[in-house]
Structures are given as structure tokens and as C-alpha cells.
Amino acid sequence: MKQYLKPKAAIVILMLAYASGVANYGYASSQNSRGPQGTPPPEAITACEGKNAGDTISFKGHKGENLEATCKEIEGQLAAVPDNAPRKE
């Protein structure tokens, strides 16, 4: 009887570890492109320093890519929003 419980317990432990890893992977990837607490990333804020809302700019994104963007006010801060960014509706 004890031999039957060992594989079953191992399967449950592996399933829990897998679920935990998947949940953490999704959370980490969503945090990479945003600043703390869901604010715009620091490079987007820095890119609009000294600019006005509506100004178009180019800047390097967090992966080092060149982005064409427009400065927009987001949560009380001026930040660069890439022209190809998905729209929130």
C-alpha cells in the first residue's frame, strides 16, 4: 500500500511545482516591460523629459530596440508610448 502512495504524492508535488513555475513566468514577463506598480518603464519617462504631450520622439526600449513614439500623459507622468503599442480599450 505504501508503494502506491509514493508515486501519487510525487505526481501531486510535480504538478504543484509546475503550476507555480508557470504562474511566476507570466508575472515576471509582464513586469519586464513595465515599471513598478504598472507605471510606464523608466526609459519611456526619461525619453520625454523636457518634451510636451504630443511630441514625437525616438528612443531605445528596454531591450535596446529603437522605437518611434509619442509623448503622452500616463498616470500623471509624461511618457513615451511607442507608435506600434497595443491599444487598451
PDB file of N, CA and C in Angstrom:
ATOM      1  N   MET A   1       0.814  -1.193   0.000  1.00  0.00           N
ATOM      2  CA  MET A   1       0.000   0.000   0.000  1.00  0.00           C
ATOM      3  C   MET A   1       0.860   1.260   0.000  1.00  0.00           C
ATOM      4  N   LYS A   2       1.938   1.289   0.769  1.00  0.00           N
ATOM      5  CA  LYS A   2       2.806   2.453   0.822  1.00  0.00           C
ATOM      6  C   LYS A   2       3.444   2.740  -0.532  1.00  0.00           C
ATOM      7  N   GLN A   3       3.762   1.720  -1.303  1.00  0.00           N
ATOM      8  CA  GLN A   3       4.370   1.920  -2.607  1.00  0.00           C
ATOM      9  C   GLN A   3       3.415   2.650  -3.542  1.00  0.00           C
ATOM     10  N   TYR A   4       2.133   2.440  -3.416  1.00  0.00           N
ATOM     11  CA  TYR A   4       1.144   3.102  -4.259  1.00  0.00           C
ATOM     12  C   TYR A   4       1.063   4.593  -3.952  1.00  0.00           C
ATOM     13  N   LEU A   5       1.221   4.978  -2.724  1.00  0.00           N
ATOM     14  CA  LEU A   5       1.098   6.371  -2.327  1.00  0.00           C
ATOM     15  C   LEU A   5       2.310   7.196  -2.752  1.00  0.00           C
ATOM     16  N   LYS A   6       3.476   6.620  -2.798  1.00  0.00           N
ATOM     17  CA  LYS A   6       4.679   7.376  -3.160  1.00  0.00           C
ATOM     18  C   LYS A   6       4.597   7.960  -4.567  1.00  0.00           C
ATOM     19  N   PRO A   7       4.288   7.200  -5.601  1.00  0.00           N
ATOM     20  CA  PRO A   7       4.194   7.804  -6.939  1.00  0.00           C
ATOM     21  C   PRO A   7       3.069   8.847  -7.019  1.00  0.00           C
ATOM     22  N   LYS A   8       1.977   8.607  -6.341  1.00  0.00           N
ATOM     23  CA  LYS A   8       0.862   9.547  -6.359  1.00  0.00           C
ATOM     24  C   LYS A   8       1.282  10.869  -5.708  1.00  0.00           C
ATOM     25  N   ALA A   9       1.985  10.800  -4.613  1.00  0.00           N
ATOM     26  CA  ALA A   9       2.455  12.005  -3.931  1.00  0.00           C
ATOM     27  C   ALA A   9       3.473  12.741  -4.800  1.00  0.00           C
ATOM     28  N   ALA A  10       4.324  12.003  -5.477  1.00  0.00           N
ATOM     29  CA  ALA A  10       5.321  12.624  -6.351  1.00  0.00           C
ATOM     30  C   ALA A  10       4.638  13.363  -7.499  1.00  0.00           C
ATOM     31  N   ILE A  11       3.594  12.790  -8.049  1.00  0.00           N
ATOM     32  CA  ILE A  11       2.859  13.435  -9.141  1.00  0.00           C
ATOM     33  C   ILE A  11       2.220  14.728  -8.658  1.00  0.00           C
ATOM     34  N   VAL A  12       1.624  14.696  -7.483  1.00  0.00           N
ATOM     35  CA  VAL A  12       0.995  15.900  -6.929  1.00  0.00           C
ATOM     36  C   VAL A  12       2.048  16.985  -6.702  1.00  0.00           C
ATOM     37  N   ILE A  13       3.177  16.634  -6.162  1.00  0.00           N
ATOM     38  CA  ILE A  13       4.246  17.604  -5.907  1.00  0.00           C
ATOM     39  C   ILE A  13       4.749  18.194  -7.220  1.00  0.00           C
ATOM     40  N   LEU A  14       4.954  17.362  -8.229  1.00  0.00           N
ATOM     41  CA  LEU A  14       5.414  17.856  -9.529  1.00  0.00           C
ATOM     42  C   LEU A  14       4.381  18.781 -10.168  1.00  0.00           C
ATOM     43  N   MET A  15       3.110  18.451 -10.045  1.00  0.00           N
ATOM     44  CA  MET A  15       2.063  19.304 -10.616  1.00  0.00           C
ATOM     45  C   MET A  15       2.039  20.668  -9.926  1.00  0.00           C
ATOM     46  N   LEU A  16       2.195  20.683  -8.616  1.00  0.00           N
ATOM     47  CA  LEU A  16       2.214  21.949  -7.882  1.00  0.00           C
ATOM     48  C   LEU A  16       3.439  22.785  -8.258  1.00  0.00           C
ATOM     49  N   ALA A  17       4.576  22.154  -8.393  1.00  0.00           N
ATOM     50  CA  ALA A  17       5.796  22.873  -8.783  1.00  0.00           C
ATOM     51  C   ALA A  17       5.644  23.445 -10.183  1.00  0.00           C
ATOM     52  N   TYR A  18       5.070  22.682 -11.103  1.00  0.00           N
ATOM     53  CA  TYR A  18       4.871  23.155 -12.472  1.00  0.00           C
ATOM     54  C   TYR A  18       3.919  24.350 -12.487  1.00  0.00           C
ATOM     55  N   ALA A  19       2.807  24.249 -11.779  1.00  0.00           N
ATOM     56  CA  ALA A  19       1.832  25.347 -11.745  1.00  0.00           C
ATOM     57  C   ALA A  19       2.450  26.610 -11.159  1.00  0.00           C
ATOM     58  N   SER A  20       3.256  26.463 -10.138  1.00  0.00           N
ATOM     59  CA  SER A  20       3.916  27.604  -9.525  1.00  0.00           C
ATOM     60  C   SER A  20       4.888  28.254 -10.508  1.00  0.00           C
ATOM     61  N   GLY A  21       5.630  27.455 -11.231  1.00  0.00           N
ATOM     62  CA  GLY A  21       6.578  27.974 -12.210  1.00  0.00           C
ATOM     63  C   GLY A  21       5.887  28.704 -13.341  1.00  0.00           C
ATOM     64  N   VAL A  22       4.794  28.175 -13.832  1.00  0.00           N
ATOM     65  CA  VAL A  22       4.050  28.822 -14.905  1.00  0.00           C
ATOM     66  C   VAL A  22       3.486  30.155 -14.430  1.00  0.00           C
ATOM     67  N   ALA A  23       2.946  30.202 -13.234  1.00  0.00           N
ATOM     68  CA  ALA A  23       2.392  31.445 -12.699  1.00  0.00           C
ATOM     69  C   ALA A  23       3.481  32.501 -12.539  1.00  0.00           C
ATOM     70  N   ASN A  24       4.638  32.118 -12.041  1.00  0.00           N
ATOM     71  CA  ASN A  24       5.735  33.063 -11.869  1.00  0.00           C
ATOM     72  C   ASN A  24       6.294  33.534 -13.202  1.00  0.00           C
ATOM     73  N   TYR A  25       6.328  32.669 -14.197  1.00  0.00           N
ATOM     74  CA  TYR A  25       6.838  33.065 -15.512  1.00  0.00           C
ATOM     75  C   TYR A  25       5.952  34.154 -16.110  1.00  0.00           C
ATOM     76  N   GLY A  26       4.642  34.005 -16.038  1.00  0.00           N
ATOM     77  CA  GLY A  26       3.725  35.012 -16.560  1.00  0.00           C
ATOM     78  C   GLY A  26       3.859  36.327 -15.837  1.00  0.00           C
ATOM     79  N   TYR A  27       4.013  36.290 -14.535  1.00  0.00           N
ATOM     80  CA  TYR A  27       4.157  37.515 -13.745  1.00  0.00           C
ATOM     81  C   TYR A  27       5.464  38.212 -14.090  1.00  0.00           C
ATOM     82  N   ALA A  28       6.550  37.469 -14.194  1.00  0.00           N
ATOM     83  CA  ALA A  28       7.855  38.072 -14.477  1.00  0.00           C
ATOM     84  C   ALA A  28       7.882  38.702 -15.860  1.00  0.00           C
ATOM     85  N   SER A  29       7.313  38.042 -16.850  1.00  0.00           N
ATOM     86  CA  SER A  29       7.362  38.603 -18.195  1.00  0.00           C
ATOM     87  C   SER A  29       6.529  39.865 -18.297  1.00  0.00           C
ATOM     88  N   SER A  30       5.430  39.950 -17.547  1.00  0.00           N
ATOM     89  CA  SER A  30       4.630  41.170 -17.596  1.00  0.00           C
ATOM     90  C   SER A  30       5.320  42.309 -16.861  1.00  0.00           C
ATOM     91  N   GLN A  31       6.148  42.018 -15.896  1.00  0.00           N
ATOM     92  CA  GLN A  31       6.839  43.057 -15.150  1.00  0.00           C
ATOM     93  C   GLN A  31       8.049  43.610 -15.897  1.00  0.00           C
ATOM     94  N   ASN A  32       8.579  42.855 -16.863  1.00  0.00           N
ATOM     95  CA  ASN A  32       9.768  43.317 -17.571  1.00  0.00           C
ATOM     96  C   ASN A  32       9.530  44.562 -18.391  1.00  0.00           C
ATOM     97  N   SER A  33       8.331  44.732 -18.933  1.00  0.00           N
ATOM     98  CA  SER A  33       8.076  45.861 -19.803  1.00  0.00           C
ATOM     99  C   SER A  33       7.406  47.021 -19.099  1.00  0.00           C
ATOM    100  N   ARG A  34       7.180  46.926 -17.830  1.00  0.00           N
ATOM    101  CA  ARG A  34       6.531  47.983 -17.081  1.00  0.00           C
ATOM    102  C   ARG A  34       7.385  48.339 -15.874  1.00  0.00           C
ATOM    103  N   GLY A  35       7.149  49.529 -15.367  1.00  0.00           N
ATOM    104  CA  GLY A  35       7.853  49.950 -14.170  1.00  0.00           C
ATOM    105  C   GLY A  35       7.149  49.398 -12.940  1.00  0.00           C
ATOM    106  N   PRO A  36       7.560  49.848 -11.763  1.00  0.00           N
ATOM    107  CA  PRO A  36       6.927  49.380 -10.534  1.00  0.00           C
ATOM    108  C   PRO A  36       5.454  49.777 -10.497  1.00  0.00           C
ATOM    109  N   GLN A  37       4.621  48.914  -9.969  1.00  0.00           N
ATOM    110  CA  GLN A  37       3.192  49.158  -9.786  1.00  0.00           C
ATOM    111  C   GLN A  37       2.475  49.444 -11.097  1.00  0.00           C
ATOM    112  N   GLY A  38       2.981  48.945 -12.226  1.00  0.00           N
ATOM    113  CA  GLY A  38       2.325  49.119 -13.510  1.00  0.00           C
ATOM    114  C   GLY A  38       2.526  50.483 -14.144  1.00  0.00           C
ATOM    115  N   THR A  39       3.451  51.277 -13.634  1.00  0.00           N
ATOM    116  CA  THR A  39       3.742  52.582 -14.224  1.00  0.00           C
ATOM    117  C   THR A  39       4.544  52.399 -15.502  1.00  0.00           C
ATOM    118  N   PRO A  40       4.651  53.438 -16.336  1.00  0.00           N
ATOM    119  CA  PRO A  40       5.466  53.312 -17.548  1.00  0.00           C
ATOM    120  C   PRO A  40       6.917  52.975 -17.186  1.00  0.00           C
ATOM    121  N   PRO A  41       7.620  52.274 -18.080  1.00  0.00           N
ATOM    122  CA  PRO A  41       9.016  51.930 -17.795  1.00  0.00           C
ATOM    123  C   PRO A  41       9.883  53.182 -17.723  1.00  0.00           C
ATOM    124  N   PRO A  42      10.956  53.134 -16.943  1.00  0.00           N
ATOM    125  CA  PRO A  42      11.819  54.301 -16.749  1.00  0.00           C
ATOM    126  C   PRO A  42      12.343  54.905 -18.049  1.00  0.00           C
ATOM    127  N   GLU A  43      12.696  54.058 -19.034  1.00  0.00           N
ATOM    128  CA  GLU A  43      13.229  54.595 -20.285  1.00  0.00           C
ATOM    129  C   GLU A  43      12.177  55.396 -21.058  1.00  0.00           C
ATOM    130  N   ALA A  44      10.900  55.060 -20.893  1.00  0.00           N
ATOM    131  CA  ALA A  44       9.827  55.806 -21.556  1.00  0.00           C
ATOM    132  C   ALA A  44       9.635  57.172 -20.902  1.00  0.00           C
ATOM    133  N   ILE A  45       9.809  57.241 -19.597  1.00  0.00           N
ATOM    134  CA  ILE A  45       9.687  58.512 -18.870  1.00  0.00           C
ATOM    135  C   ILE A  45      10.880  59.405 -19.203  1.00  0.00           C
ATOM    136  N   THR A  46      12.079  58.838 -19.155  1.00  0.00           N
ATOM    137  CA  THR A  46      13.298  59.593 -19.456  1.00  0.00           C
ATOM    138  C   THR A  46      13.264  60.157 -20.875  1.00  0.00           C
ATOM    139  N   ALA A  47      12.735  59.398 -21.812  1.00  0.00           N
ATOM    140  CA  ALA A  47      12.703  59.826 -23.213  1.00  0.00           C
ATOM    141  C   ALA A  47      11.868  61.090 -23.416  1.00  0.00           C
ATOM    142  N   CYS A  48      10.910  61.341 -22.534  1.00  0.00           N
ATOM    143  CA  CYS A  48      10.037  62.515 -22.691  1.00  0.00           C
ATOM    144  C   CYS A  48      10.426  63.683 -21.781  1.00  0.00           C
ATOM    145  N   GLU A  49      11.539  63.568 -21.077  1.00  0.00           N
ATOM    146  CA  GLU A  49      11.969  64.685 -20.235  1.00  0.00           C
ATOM    147  C   GLU A  49      12.228  65.906 -21.105  1.00  0.00           C
ATOM    148  N   GLY A  50      11.660  67.042 -20.737  1.00  0.00           N
ATOM    149  CA  GLY A  50      11.819  68.278 -21.487  1.00  0.00           C
ATOM    150  C   GLY A  50      10.939  68.361 -22.727  1.00  0.00           C
ATOM    151  N   LYS A  51      10.051  67.408 -22.905  1.00  0.00           N
ATOM    152  CA  LYS A  51       9.152  67.380 -24.057  1.00  0.00           C
ATOM    153  C   LYS A  51       7.733  67.743 -23.603  1.00  0.00           C
ATOM    154  N   ASN A  52       6.839  67.875 -24.568  1.00  0.00           N
ATOM    155  CA  ASN A  52       5.434  68.157 -24.298  1.00  0.00           C
ATOM    156  C   ASN A  52       4.579  66.994 -24.781  1.00  0.00           C
ATOM    157  N   ALA A  53       3.381  66.867 -24.219  1.00  0.00           N
ATOM    158  CA  ALA A  53       2.448  65.847 -24.681  1.00  0.00           C
ATOM    159  C   ALA A  53       2.178  66.064 -26.158  1.00  0.00           C
ATOM    160  N   GLY A  54       2.248  64.984 -26.929  1.00  0.00           N
ATOM    161  CA  GLY A  54       2.030  65.055 -28.368  1.00  0.00           C
ATOM    162  C   GLY A  54       3.303  65.119 -29.188  1.00  0.00           C
ATOM    163  N   ASP A  55       4.444  65.394 -28.547  1.00  0.00           N
ATOM    164  CA  ASP A  55       5.727  65.416 -29.265  1.00  0.00           C
ATOM    165  C   ASP A  55       6.081  63.999 -29.726  1.00  0.00           C
ATOM    166  N   THR A  56       6.602  63.882 -30.932  1.00  0.00           N
ATOM    167  CA  THR A  56       7.068  62.582 -31.412  1.00  0.00           C
ATOM    168  C   THR A  56       8.573  62.483 -31.178  1.00  0.00           C
ATOM    169  N   ILE A  57       9.014  61.306 -30.778  1.00  0.00           N
ATOM    170  CA  ILE A  57      10.421  61.088 -30.431  1.00  0.00           C
ATOM    171  C   ILE A  57      10.863  59.700 -30.884  1.00  0.00           C
ATOM    172  N   SER A  58      12.153  59.458 -30.810  1.00  0.00           N
ATOM    173  CA  SER A  58      12.744  58.132 -30.979  1.00  0.00           C
ATOM    174  C   SER A  58      13.538  57.851 -29.712  1.00  0.00           C
ATOM    175  N   PHE A  59      13.470  56.613 -29.241  1.00  0.00           N
ATOM    176  CA  PHE A  59      14.256  56.239 -28.063  1.00  0.00           C
ATOM    177  C   PHE A  59      14.518  54.749 -28.077  1.00  0.00           C
ATOM    178  N   LYS A  60      15.475  54.331 -27.251  1.00  0.00           N
ATOM    179  CA  LYS A  60      15.793  52.907 -27.129  1.00  0.00           C
ATOM    180  C   LYS A  60      14.914  52.292 -26.052  1.00  0.00           C
ATOM    181  N   GLY A  61      14.257  51.177 -26.385  1.00  0.00           N
ATOM    182  CA  GLY A  61      13.408  50.455 -25.448  1.00  0.00           C
ATOM    183  C   GLY A  61      14.227  49.632 -24.473  1.00  0.00           C
ATOM    184  N   HIS A  62      13.539  48.914 -23.581  1.00  0.00           N
ATOM    185  CA  HIS A  62      14.236  48.137 -22.545  1.00  0.00           C
ATOM    186  C   HIS A  62      15.022  46.954 -23.116  1.00  0.00           C
ATOM    187  N   LYS A  63      14.747  46.575 -24.356  1.00  0.00           N
ATOM    188  CA  LYS A  63      15.517  45.503 -24.997  1.00  0.00           C
ATOM    189  C   LYS A  63      16.586  46.058 -25.937  1.00  0.00           C
ATOM    190  N   GLY A  64      16.753  47.395 -25.941  1.00  0.00           N
ATOM    191  CA  GLY A  64      17.753  48.027 -26.783  1.00  0.00           C
ATOM    192  C   GLY A  64      17.272  48.344 -28.187  1.00  0.00           C
ATOM    193  N   GLU A  65      16.001  48.093 -28.457  1.00  0.00           N
ATOM    194  CA  GLU A  65      15.460  48.356 -29.782  1.00  0.00           C
ATOM    195  C   GLU A  65      15.120  49.834 -29.954  1.00  0.00           C
ATOM    196  N   ASN A  66      15.227  50.342 -31.181  1.00  0.00           N
ATOM    197  CA  ASN A  66      14.858  51.726 -31.476  1.00  0.00           C
ATOM    198  C   ASN A  66      13.349  51.806 -31.662  1.00  0.00           C
ATOM    199  N   LEU A  67      12.718  52.733 -30.962  1.00  0.00           N
ATOM    200  CA  LEU A  67      11.267  52.880 -31.016  1.00  0.00           C
ATOM    201  C   LEU A  67      10.880  54.289 -31.423  1.00  0.00           C
ATOM    202  N   GLU A  68       9.905  54.400 -32.299  1.00  0.00           N
ATOM    203  CA  GLU A  68       9.285  55.672 -32.630  1.00  0.00           C
ATOM    204  C   GLU A  68       8.094  55.788 -31.693  1.00  0.00           C
ATOM    205  N   ALA A  69       7.940  56.949 -31.055  1.00  0.00           N
ATOM    206  CA  ALA A  69       6.911  57.071 -30.028  1.00  0.00           C
ATOM    207  C   ALA A  69       6.352  58.487 -29.974  1.00  0.00           C
ATOM    208  N   THR A  70       5.289  58.626 -29.208  1.00  0.00           N
ATOM    209  CA  THR A  70       4.667  59.915 -28.944  1.00  0.00           C
ATOM    210  C   THR A  70       4.600  60.087 -27.437  1.00  0.00           C
ATOM    211  N   CYS A  71       4.952  61.267 -26.943  1.00  0.00           N
ATOM    212  CA  CYS A  71       4.875  61.545 -25.509  1.00  0.00           C
ATOM    213  C   CYS A  71       3.405  61.755 -25.122  1.00  0.00           C
ATOM    214  N   LYS A  72       2.971  61.027 -24.129  1.00  0.00           N
ATOM    215  CA  LYS A  72       1.592  61.123 -23.643  1.00  0.00           C
ATOM    216  C   LYS A  72       1.606  61.134 -22.134  1.00  0.00           C
ATOM    217  N   GLU A  73       0.596  61.748 -21.538  1.00  0.00           N
ATOM    218  CA  GLU A  73       0.487  61.752 -20.085  1.00  0.00           C
ATOM    219  C   GLU A  73      -0.177  60.451 -19.648  1.00  0.00           C
ATOM    220  N   ILE A  74       0.525  59.716 -18.793  1.00  0.00           N
ATOM    221  CA  ILE A  74       0.038  58.440 -18.270  1.00  0.00           C
ATOM    222  C   ILE A  74       0.189  58.477 -16.759  1.00  0.00           C
ATOM    223  N   GLU A  75      -0.916  58.347 -16.077  1.00  0.00           N
ATOM    224  CA  GLU A  75      -0.916  58.343 -14.610  1.00  0.00           C
ATOM    225  C   GLU A  75      -0.147  59.531 -14.045  1.00  0.00           C
ATOM    226  N   GLY A  76      -0.369  60.720 -14.635  1.00  0.00           N
ATOM    227  CA  GLY A  76       0.241  61.944 -14.130  1.00  0.00           C
ATOM    228  C   GLY A  76       1.686  62.161 -14.537  1.00  0.00           C
ATOM    229  N   GLN A  77       2.224  61.274 -15.401  1.00  0.00           N
ATOM    230  CA  GLN A  77       3.603  61.410 -15.858  1.00  0.00           C
ATOM    231  C   GLN A  77       3.638  61.437 -17.376  1.00  0.00           C
ATOM    232  N   LEU A  78       4.548  62.220 -17.920  1.00  0.00           N
ATOM    233  CA  LEU A  78       4.749  62.231 -19.359  1.00  0.00           C
ATOM    234  C   LEU A  78       5.650  61.055 -19.712  1.00  0.00           C
ATOM    235  N   ALA A  79       5.203  60.222 -20.635  1.00  0.00           N
ATOM    236  CA  ALA A  79       5.974  59.030 -21.006  1.00  0.00           C
ATOM    237  C   ALA A  79       5.818  58.760 -22.489  1.00  0.00           C
ATOM    238  N   ALA A  80       6.843  58.146 -23.069  1.00  0.00           N
ATOM    239  CA  ALA A  80       6.820  57.781 -24.484  1.00  0.00           C
ATOM    240  C   ALA A  80       5.972  56.541 -24.682  1.00  0.00           C
ATOM    241  N   VAL A  81       5.031  56.617 -25.606  1.00  0.00           N
ATOM    242  CA  VAL A  81       4.194  55.477 -25.961  1.00  0.00           C
ATOM    243  C   VAL A  81       4.550  55.102 -27.401  1.00  0.00           C
ATOM    244  N   PRO A  82       5.125  53.913 -27.607  1.00  0.00           N
ATOM    245  CA  PRO A  82       5.531  53.513 -28.949  1.00  0.00           C
ATOM    246  C   PRO A  82       4.342  53.558 -29.919  1.00  0.00           C
ATOM    247  N   ASP A  83       4.621  53.968 -31.149  1.00  0.00           N
ATOM    248  CA  ASP A  83       3.570  54.083 -32.160  1.00  0.00           C
ATOM    249  C   ASP A  83       2.910  52.755 -32.448  1.00  0.00           C
ATOM    250  N   ASN A  84       3.635  51.648 -32.278  1.00  0.00           N
ATOM    251  CA  ASN A  84       3.069  50.327 -32.551  1.00  0.00           C
ATOM    252  C   ASN A  84       2.582  49.622 -31.285  1.00  0.00           C
ATOM    253  N   ALA A  85       2.401  50.370 -30.188  1.00  0.00           N
ATOM    254  CA  ALA A  85       1.941  49.770 -28.926  1.00  0.00           C
ATOM    255  C   ALA A  85       0.493  49.322 -29.065  1.00  0.00           C
ATOM    256  N   PRO A  86       0.142  48.163 -28.459  1.00  0.00           N
ATOM    257  CA  PRO A  86      -1.257  47.732 -28.497  1.00  0.00           C
ATOM    258  C   PRO A  86      -2.146  48.723 -27.749  1.00  0.00           C
ATOM    259  N   ARG A  87      -3.324  48.960 -28.274  1.00  0.00           N
ATOM    260  CA  ARG A  87      -4.257  49.913 -27.652  1.00  0.00           C
ATOM    261  C   ARG A  87      -5.050  49.247 -26.551  1.00  0.00           C
ATOM    262  N   LYS A  88      -5.214  49.954 -25.435  1.00  0.00           N
ATOM    263  CA  LYS A  88      -6.060  49.470 -24.337  1.00  0.00           C
ATOM    264  C   LYS A  88      -7.442  50.047 -24.542  1.00  0.00           C
ATOM    265  N   GLU A  89      -8.442  49.192 -24.591  1.00  0.00           N
ATOM    266  CA  GLU A  89      -9.806  49.681 -24.785  1.00  0.00           C
ATOM    267  C   GLU A  89     -10.714  49.158 -23.724  1.00  0.00           C
TER     268      GLU A  89
END
